[in-house]
Every structure is written in structure tokens, then in C-alpha cells.
């Protein structure tokens, strides 16, 4: 029932509400003490208590989810999602049920978040309300924006930068957050589509120049030919 900026506000409000519930309802989540001693699963009878086997479980889950998303964005559903993202009014005029596809997008995103949570809990073997704060949602959103929203590999690149950049800037001590913020602001001003957006524009310019050169050569050959 809500759209555009109002939808974002409602989503953020729901995230804050969920954090307050997880923190205050001790009978459900044990409050600030959290839930500990979460066991790691057995995959086809093979234990994953050690870090390396569980790493392979996470890697395999990432591969399966990535293939599923790759298939989804190239399906008719994916084309409808792209149309809805680019111009909801035009998508509605093309006969796309915008409300239905918006709900589907939320459902798919929630399912992917559930998969991540199902892996995060046994990875740390402890869950408390802190990861459900609004700051984590903003961090995830920043990964998508920095890498390149609308590109399949954008979130992968954004996650790598968000994880590795603090390590690279460790020598700056507490200033790395300021440097990271300035870099992100500069990136959003120069390229709102993220790092992959810059690469995409660069490749598009190269293709345009190559096509122009080919047309010029073909025109010159026609002029020379008697």
C-alpha cells in the first residue's frame, strides 16, 4: 500500500521494531544475553563442527543461491522486477501487477536473508539482538550501492570492499571510518551506480569508439573505391 520513500521508511521502522522485540522479550530471545551453544549441522551425516567443513557448507550455499538468483534475473519474473525497478508506472502500463511483484521481491529478499541467518547462527554459535540493529541493514545496503546496484556481481564486490577496506586502512587507526565515508560519498556523487557502473560506462565508451572507428574505416573504403 506504500511506495517510493514511504516504503523505505516502513521497512526501516519494521527493522527497528524487530530489534526492540528481540532485545526486550527475554522469554523469546533471552534478551541482551542472547542464545548460545548453537550446534552446527550435520550434512548427510558428515559433521561440520570444525571451521573448514562449515566453510565449505557456506561456500556451497553461496553457490546454490547465486545460481538461483542468476536464473531468476534472466527469467520473465526477473524482467518484470527490472521493469518495476526502472519505472513502476511504465511497468503497470505494460500489464505487470506491480503490487504482486513488489511482494514477491520482498519475499525473495526475506528468504535470502533467512538463508544467511541460518548460516550465521551456527557459524558464531551465538546470537544476540545486536546484529538486528538498523546499522547492519545500512551496512548491507552500502555494500550493494558501493559494488553496483543493478549488477549481479555488485553485492559481491561491495562486500569484499566493506570487509577488506578496514584492514587496508588499519594504519590510520580510528580515521578509517571517516576515509571510508568520504570515499563512499565521492563514489555516489561521481557514479550512483557504484564501481561496476564506472566499469560499465568505460566499456560502453570503448564499444562506441570502436564502432565509430569501424564506420569511419568503412566510409573511407567506400570513398576510395571507384
C-alpha atoms as a PDB file:
ATOM      1  CA  UNK A   1       0.000   0.000   0.000  1.00  0.00           C
ATOM      2  CA  UNK A   2       3.011   2.303   0.378  1.00  0.00           C
ATOM      3  CA  UNK A   3       5.524   3.153  -2.328  1.00  0.00           C
ATOM      4  CA  UNK A   4       8.767   5.001  -3.017  1.00  0.00           C
ATOM      5  CA  UNK A   5      10.322   6.689   0.035  1.00  0.00           C
ATOM      6  CA  UNK A   6       7.417   5.709   2.276  1.00  0.00           C
ATOM      7  CA  UNK A   7       8.144   2.046   1.595  1.00  0.00           C
ATOM      8  CA  UNK A   8      11.752   2.567   2.687  1.00  0.00           C
ATOM      9  CA  UNK A   9      10.615   4.300   5.887  1.00  0.00           C
ATOM     10  CA  UNK A  10       8.187   1.489   6.713  1.00  0.00           C
ATOM     11  CA  UNK A  11      10.908  -1.099   6.111  1.00  0.00           C
ATOM     12  CA  UNK A  12      13.356   0.714   8.399  1.00  0.00           C
ATOM     13  CA  UNK A  13      10.661   1.132  11.050  1.00  0.00           C
ATOM     14  CA  UNK A  14       9.897  -2.594  10.942  1.00  0.00           C
ATOM     15  CA  UNK A  15      13.611  -3.368  11.329  1.00  0.00           C
ATOM     16  CA  UNK A  16      13.791  -1.142  14.411  1.00  0.00           C
ATOM     17  CA  UNK A  17      10.647  -2.757  15.827  1.00  0.00           C
ATOM     18  CA  UNK A  18      12.117  -6.234  15.331  1.00  0.00           C
ATOM     19  CA  UNK A  19      15.304  -5.192  17.157  1.00  0.00           C
ATOM     20  CA  UNK A  20      13.316  -3.868  20.116  1.00  0.00           C
ATOM     21  CA  UNK A  21      11.284  -7.084  20.310  1.00  0.00           C
ATOM     22  CA  UNK A  22      14.407  -9.264  20.207  1.00  0.00           C
ATOM     23  CA  UNK A  23      16.086  -7.159  22.886  1.00  0.00           C
ATOM     24  CA  UNK A  24      13.180  -6.813  25.306  1.00  0.00           C
ATOM     25  CA  UNK A  25      11.296 -10.121  25.030  1.00  0.00           C
ATOM     26  CA  UNK A  26      13.599 -12.255  27.161  1.00  0.00           C
ATOM     27  CA  UNK A  27      11.197 -15.213  27.168  1.00  0.00           C
ATOM     28  CA  UNK A  28      11.688 -15.464  23.402  1.00  0.00           C
ATOM     29  CA  UNK A  29      15.312 -14.484  22.763  1.00  0.00           C
ATOM     30  CA  UNK A  30      16.849 -14.243  26.275  1.00  0.00           C
ATOM     31  CA  UNK A  31      17.201 -10.521  25.705  1.00  0.00           C
ATOM     32  CA  UNK A  32      20.658  -8.974  25.773  1.00  0.00           C
ATOM     33  CA  UNK A  33      22.175 -12.291  26.887  1.00  0.00           C
ATOM     34  CA  UNK A  34      21.288 -13.938  23.607  1.00  0.00           C
ATOM     35  CA  UNK A  35      21.126 -17.602  22.663  1.00  0.00           C
ATOM     36  CA  UNK A  36      24.374 -19.546  22.976  1.00  0.00           C
ATOM     37  CA  UNK A  37      25.707 -23.050  22.285  1.00  0.00           C
ATOM     38  CA  UNK A  38      24.004 -23.239  18.896  1.00  0.00           C
ATOM     39  CA  UNK A  39      25.159 -26.514  17.312  1.00  0.00           C
ATOM     40  CA  UNK A  40      26.462 -26.782  13.786  1.00  0.00           C
ATOM     41  CA  UNK A  41      24.502 -29.100  11.498  1.00  0.00           C
ATOM     42  CA  UNK A  42      25.453 -32.448  10.066  1.00  0.00           C
ATOM     43  CA  UNK A  43      25.268 -32.637   6.259  1.00  0.00           C
ATOM     44  CA  UNK A  44      24.365 -36.169   5.129  1.00  0.00           C
ATOM     45  CA  UNK A  45      25.848 -37.490   8.354  1.00  0.00           C
ATOM     46  CA  UNK A  46      29.068 -35.509   7.932  1.00  0.00           C
ATOM     47  CA  UNK A  47      29.788 -33.230  10.935  1.00  0.00           C
ATOM     48  CA  UNK A  48      30.631 -29.588  10.353  1.00  0.00           C
ATOM     49  CA  UNK A  49      31.810 -28.669  13.837  1.00  0.00           C
ATOM     50  CA  UNK A  50      35.279 -27.689  12.607  1.00  0.00           C
ATOM     51  CA  UNK A  51      35.732 -24.382  10.748  1.00  0.00           C
ATOM     52  CA  UNK A  52      36.856 -25.798   7.387  1.00  0.00           C
ATOM     53  CA  UNK A  53      33.889 -28.162   6.802  1.00  0.00           C
ATOM     54  CA  UNK A  54      31.448 -25.426   7.771  1.00  0.00           C
ATOM     55  CA  UNK A  55      33.254 -23.044   5.420  1.00  0.00           C
ATOM     56  CA  UNK A  56      32.528 -25.463   2.577  1.00  0.00           C
ATOM     57  CA  UNK A  57      28.877 -25.560   3.656  1.00  0.00           C
ATOM     58  CA  UNK A  58      28.705 -21.759   3.460  1.00  0.00           C
ATOM     59  CA  UNK A  59      30.532 -21.751   0.126  1.00  0.00           C
ATOM     60  CA  UNK A  60      28.183 -24.353  -1.324  1.00  0.00           C
ATOM     61  CA  UNK A  61      25.152 -22.446  -0.061  1.00  0.00           C
ATOM     62  CA  UNK A  62      26.507 -19.277  -1.670  1.00  0.00           C
ATOM     63  CA  UNK A  63      26.938 -21.087  -4.971  1.00  0.00           C
ATOM     64  CA  UNK A  64      23.414 -22.525  -4.921  1.00  0.00           C
ATOM     65  CA  UNK A  65      21.820 -19.195  -4.006  1.00  0.00           C
ATOM     66  CA  UNK A  66      23.891 -17.357  -6.629  1.00  0.00           C
ATOM     67  CA  UNK A  67      22.809 -19.775  -9.362  1.00  0.00           C
ATOM     68  CA  UNK A  68      19.178 -19.420  -8.269  1.00  0.00           C
ATOM     69  CA  UNK A  69      19.381 -15.615  -8.393  1.00  0.00           C
ATOM     70  CA  UNK A  70      21.213 -15.764 -11.749  1.00  0.00           C
ATOM     71  CA  UNK A  71      18.370 -17.846 -13.154  1.00  0.00           C
ATOM     72  CA  UNK A  72      15.745 -15.601 -11.576  1.00  0.00           C
ATOM     73  CA  UNK A  73      17.004 -12.338 -13.060  1.00  0.00           C
ATOM     74  CA  UNK A  74      17.018 -13.915 -16.537  1.00  0.00           C
ATOM     75  CA  UNK A  75      13.514 -15.322 -16.212  1.00  0.00           C
ATOM     76  CA  UNK A  76      10.262 -13.471 -17.025  1.00  0.00           C
ATOM     77  CA  UNK A  77       9.997 -12.695 -13.319  1.00  0.00           C
ATOM     78  CA  UNK A  78      13.417 -11.058 -13.395  1.00  0.00           C
ATOM     79  CA  UNK A  79      12.492  -8.900 -16.379  1.00  0.00           C
ATOM     80  CA  UNK A  80       9.351  -7.832 -14.538  1.00  0.00           C
ATOM     81  CA  UNK A  81      11.444  -6.935 -11.473  1.00  0.00           C
ATOM     82  CA  UNK A  82      13.781  -4.833 -13.647  1.00  0.00           C
ATOM     83  CA  UNK A  83      10.832  -3.039 -15.247  1.00  0.00           C
ATOM     84  CA  UNK A  84       9.356  -2.382 -11.811  1.00  0.00           C
ATOM     85  CA  UNK A  85      12.669  -1.003 -10.566  1.00  0.00           C
ATOM     86  CA  UNK A  86      13.262   1.271 -13.547  1.00  0.00           C
ATOM     87  CA  UNK A  87       9.760   2.735 -13.915  1.00  0.00           C
ATOM     88  CA  UNK A  88       6.780   1.422 -11.903  1.00  0.00           C
ATOM     89  CA  UNK A  89       4.286   3.475 -13.924  1.00  0.00           C
ATOM     90  CA  UNK A  90       5.553   2.095 -17.216  1.00  0.00           C
ATOM     91  CA  UNK A  91       5.608  -1.436 -15.753  1.00  0.00           C
ATOM     92  CA  UNK A  92       1.973  -1.025 -14.713  1.00  0.00           C
ATOM     93  CA  UNK A  93       1.065   0.193 -18.204  1.00  0.00           C
ATOM     94  CA  UNK A  94       2.668  -2.958 -19.645  1.00  0.00           C
ATOM     95  CA  UNK A  95       0.309  -5.118 -17.603  1.00  0.00           C
ATOM     96  CA  UNK A  96       2.698  -6.031 -14.785  1.00  0.00           C
ATOM     97  CA  UNK A  97       0.999  -6.461 -11.420  1.00  0.00           C
ATOM     98  CA  UNK A  98       3.296  -4.104  -9.522  1.00  0.00           C
ATOM     99  CA  UNK A  99       1.877  -4.918  -6.090  1.00  0.00           C
ATOM    100  CA  UNK A 100       2.264  -8.648  -6.634  1.00  0.00           C
ATOM    101  CA  UNK A 101       5.837  -8.352  -7.869  1.00  0.00           C
ATOM    102  CA  UNK A 102       6.743  -5.968  -5.054  1.00  0.00           C
ATOM    103  CA  UNK A 103       5.525  -8.539  -2.526  1.00  0.00           C
ATOM    104  CA  UNK A 104       7.429 -11.252  -4.396  1.00  0.00           C
ATOM    105  CA  UNK A 105      10.616  -9.172  -4.259  1.00  0.00           C
ATOM    106  CA  UNK A 106      10.210  -8.737  -0.503  1.00  0.00           C
ATOM    107  CA  UNK A 107       9.516 -12.455  -0.071  1.00  0.00           C
ATOM    108  CA  UNK A 108      12.583 -13.469  -2.082  1.00  0.00           C
ATOM    109  CA  UNK A 109      14.782 -10.975  -0.248  1.00  0.00           C
ATOM    110  CA  UNK A 110      13.470 -12.218   3.106  1.00  0.00           C
ATOM    111  CA  UNK A 111      14.143 -15.819   2.088  1.00  0.00           C
ATOM    112  CA  UNK A 112      17.737 -14.968   1.168  1.00  0.00           C
ATOM    113  CA  UNK A 113      18.111 -13.176   4.486  1.00  0.00           C
ATOM    114  CA  UNK A 114      16.773 -16.277   6.217  1.00  0.00           C
ATOM    115  CA  UNK A 115      19.399 -18.424   4.497  1.00  0.00           C
ATOM    116  CA  UNK A 116      22.102 -16.013   5.655  1.00  0.00           C
ATOM    117  CA  UNK A 117      20.757 -16.124   9.211  1.00  0.00           C
ATOM    118  CA  UNK A 118      20.600 -19.919   9.164  1.00  0.00           C
ATOM    119  CA  UNK A 119      24.324 -19.941   8.338  1.00  0.00           C
ATOM    120  CA  UNK A 120      25.298 -17.078  10.641  1.00  0.00           C
ATOM    121  CA  UNK A 121      23.843 -18.601  13.802  1.00  0.00           C
ATOM    122  CA  UNK A 122      25.809 -21.892  13.675  1.00  0.00           C
ATOM    123  CA  UNK A 123      28.897 -20.038  12.427  1.00  0.00           C
ATOM    124  CA  UNK A 124      29.156 -17.912  15.572  1.00  0.00           C
ATOM    125  CA  UNK A 125      27.211 -20.422  17.721  1.00  0.00           C
ATOM    126  CA  UNK A 126      25.754 -17.405  19.485  1.00  0.00           C
ATOM    127  CA  UNK A 127      23.023 -14.930  18.541  1.00  0.00           C
ATOM    128  CA  UNK A 128      22.073 -11.734  20.366  1.00  0.00           C
ATOM    129  CA  UNK A 129      19.912  -8.740  19.359  1.00  0.00           C
ATOM    130  CA  UNK A 130      22.880  -6.586  18.255  1.00  0.00           C
ATOM    131  CA  UNK A 131      23.022  -7.902  14.634  1.00  0.00           C
ATOM    132  CA  UNK A 132      19.382  -6.884  14.217  1.00  0.00           C
ATOM    133  CA  UNK A 133      20.140  -3.197  14.717  1.00  0.00           C
ATOM    134  CA  UNK A 134      19.494  -0.750  11.916  1.00  0.00           C
ATOM    135  CA  UNK A 135      23.231  -0.240  11.401  1.00  0.00           C
ATOM    136  CA  UNK A 136      23.647  -3.743   9.963  1.00  0.00           C
ATOM    137  CA  UNK A 137      20.873  -3.133   7.431  1.00  0.00           C
ATOM    138  CA  UNK A 138      22.580   0.095   6.397  1.00  0.00           C
ATOM    139  CA  UNK A 139      25.919  -1.732   6.072  1.00  0.00           C
ATOM    140  CA  UNK A 140      24.351  -4.316   3.771  1.00  0.00           C
ATOM    141  CA  UNK A 141      22.681  -1.585   1.737  1.00  0.00           C
ATOM    142  CA  UNK A 142      26.007   0.227   1.461  1.00  0.00           C
ATOM    143  CA  UNK A 143      27.662  -2.937   0.128  1.00  0.00           C
ATOM    144  CA  UNK A 144      25.104  -3.115  -2.666  1.00  0.00           C
ATOM    145  CA  UNK A 145      25.425   0.590  -3.514  1.00  0.00           C
ATOM    146  CA  UNK A 146      29.233   0.636  -3.493  1.00  0.00           C
ATOM    147  CA  UNK A 147      29.555  -2.512  -5.588  1.00  0.00           C
ATOM    148  CA  UNK A 148      26.860  -1.508  -8.025  1.00  0.00           C
ATOM    149  CA  UNK A 149      23.109  -1.770  -7.603  1.00  0.00           C
ATOM    150  CA  UNK A 150      21.559  -3.473 -10.601  1.00  0.00           C
ATOM    151  CA  UNK A 151      24.646  -5.582 -11.343  1.00  0.00           C
ATOM    152  CA  UNK A 152      24.773  -9.262 -10.442  1.00  0.00           C
ATOM    153  CA  UNK A 153      28.323  -9.095  -9.053  1.00  0.00           C
ATOM    154  CA  UNK A 154      27.777  -5.709  -7.394  1.00  0.00           C
ATOM    155  CA  UNK A 155      26.983  -7.059  -3.904  1.00  0.00           C
ATOM    156  CA  UNK A 156      29.978  -9.430  -4.086  1.00  0.00           C
ATOM    157  CA  UNK A 157      32.344  -6.563  -4.877  1.00  0.00           C
ATOM    158  CA  UNK A 158      30.747  -4.305  -2.285  1.00  0.00           C
ATOM    159  CA  UNK A 159      31.065  -6.970   0.417  1.00  0.00           C
ATOM    160  CA  UNK A 160      34.742  -7.512  -0.435  1.00  0.00           C
ATOM    161  CA  UNK A 161      35.431  -3.789  -0.177  1.00  0.00           C
ATOM    162  CA  UNK A 162      33.475  -3.411   3.074  1.00  0.00           C
ATOM    163  CA  UNK A 163      35.430  -6.276   4.657  1.00  0.00           C
ATOM    164  CA  UNK A 164      38.903  -5.595   3.250  1.00  0.00           C
ATOM    165  CA  UNK A 165      38.983  -1.796   3.331  1.00  0.00           C
ATOM    166  CA  UNK A 166      39.120  -1.532   7.156  1.00  0.00           C
ATOM    167  CA  UNK A 167      42.078  -3.942   7.091  1.00  0.00           C
ATOM    168  CA  UNK A 168      43.859  -1.880   4.434  1.00  0.00           C
ATOM    169  CA  UNK A 169      43.221   1.310   6.396  1.00  0.00           C
ATOM    170  CA  UNK A 170      44.184  -0.132   9.770  1.00  0.00           C
ATOM    171  CA  UNK A 171      47.302   2.070   9.839  1.00  0.00           C
ATOM    172  CA  UNK A 172      45.019   5.123  10.021  1.00  0.00           C
ATOM    173  CA  UNK A 173      43.672   3.869  13.376  1.00  0.00           C
ATOM    174  CA  UNK A 174      40.275   5.425  14.045  1.00  0.00           C
ATOM    175  CA  UNK A 175      40.206   7.548  10.891  1.00  0.00           C
ATOM    176  CA  UNK A 176      39.346   4.699   8.545  1.00  0.00           C
ATOM    177  CA  UNK A 177      35.608   5.259   9.071  1.00  0.00           C
ATOM    178  CA  UNK A 178      35.973   8.882   8.022  1.00  0.00           C
ATOM    179  CA  UNK A 179      38.042   7.896   4.969  1.00  0.00           C
ATOM    180  CA  UNK A 180      35.522   5.204   4.050  1.00  0.00           C
ATOM    181  CA  UNK A 181      32.620   7.649   4.387  1.00  0.00           C
ATOM    182  CA  UNK A 182      34.339  10.264   2.208  1.00  0.00           C
ATOM    183  CA  UNK A 183      35.162   7.616  -0.412  1.00  0.00           C
ATOM    184  CA  UNK A 184      31.552   6.390  -0.485  1.00  0.00           C
ATOM    185  CA  UNK A 185      30.161   9.935  -0.789  1.00  0.00           C
ATOM    186  CA  UNK A 186      32.579  10.717  -3.627  1.00  0.00           C
ATOM    187  CA  UNK A 187      31.614   7.480  -5.361  1.00  0.00           C
ATOM    188  CA  UNK A 188      27.891   8.231  -5.084  1.00  0.00           C
ATOM    189  CA  UNK A 189      28.416  11.727  -6.493  1.00  0.00           C
ATOM    190  CA  UNK A 190      30.562  10.542  -9.394  1.00  0.00           C
ATOM    191  CA  UNK A 191      28.820   7.242 -10.084  1.00  0.00           C
ATOM    192  CA  UNK A 192      25.477   6.498  -8.367  1.00  0.00           C
ATOM    193  CA  UNK A 193      25.574   3.038  -9.977  1.00  0.00           C
ATOM    194  CA  UNK A 194      28.667   2.042  -7.994  1.00  0.00           C
ATOM    195  CA  UNK A 195      32.063   0.744  -9.023  1.00  0.00           C
ATOM    196  CA  UNK A 196      30.675  -1.655 -11.604  1.00  0.00           C
ATOM    197  CA  UNK A 197      28.707   1.250 -13.037  1.00  0.00           C
ATOM    198  CA  UNK A 198      32.015   3.032 -13.710  1.00  0.00           C
ATOM    199  CA  UNK A 199      33.390  -0.064 -15.432  1.00  0.00           C
ATOM    200  CA  UNK A 200      30.181  -0.450 -17.434  1.00  0.00           C
ATOM    201  CA  UNK A 201      30.362   3.153 -18.653  1.00  0.00           C
ATOM    202  CA  UNK A 202      34.028   2.722 -19.554  1.00  0.00           C
ATOM    203  CA  UNK A 203      33.313  -0.418 -21.576  1.00  0.00           C
ATOM    204  CA  UNK A 204      30.337   1.268 -23.268  1.00  0.00           C
ATOM    205  CA  UNK A 205      32.532   4.207 -24.289  1.00  0.00           C
ATOM    206  CA  UNK A 206      35.141   1.822 -25.692  1.00  0.00           C
ATOM    207  CA  UNK A 207      32.493  -0.025 -27.691  1.00  0.00           C
ATOM    208  CA  UNK A 208      31.135   3.273 -29.002  1.00  0.00           C
ATOM    209  CA  UNK A 209      34.594   4.448 -30.066  1.00  0.00           C
ATOM    210  CA  UNK A 210      35.331   1.093 -31.714  1.00  0.00           C
ATOM    211  CA  UNK A 211      32.032   1.196 -33.613  1.00  0.00           C
ATOM    212  CA  UNK A 212      32.710   4.790 -34.712  1.00  0.00           C
ATOM    213  CA  UNK A 213      36.180   3.807 -35.924  1.00  0.00           C
ATOM    214  CA  UNK A 214      34.756   0.884 -37.891  1.00  0.00           C
ATOM    215  CA  UNK A 215      32.165   3.139 -39.523  1.00  0.00           C
ATOM    216  CA  UNK A 216      34.859   5.678 -40.402  1.00  0.00           C
ATOM    217  CA  UNK A 217      37.032   2.969 -41.976  1.00  0.00           C
ATOM    218  CA  UNK A 218      34.080   1.584 -43.936  1.00  0.00           C
ATOM    219  CA  UNK A 219      33.163   5.086 -45.138  1.00  0.00           C
ATOM    220  CA  UNK A 220      36.754   5.741 -46.209  1.00  0.00           C
ATOM    221  CA  UNK A 221      36.842   2.486 -48.170  1.00  0.00           C
ATOM    222  CA  UNK A 222      33.622   3.414 -49.963  1.00  0.00           C
ATOM    223  CA  UNK A 223      35.026   6.822 -50.880  1.00  0.00           C
ATOM    224  CA  UNK A 224      38.260   5.308 -52.224  1.00  0.00           C
ATOM    225  CA  UNK A 225      36.526   2.585 -54.211  1.00  0.00           C
ATOM    226  CA  UNK A 226      35.936   3.820 -57.817  1.00  0.00           C
END
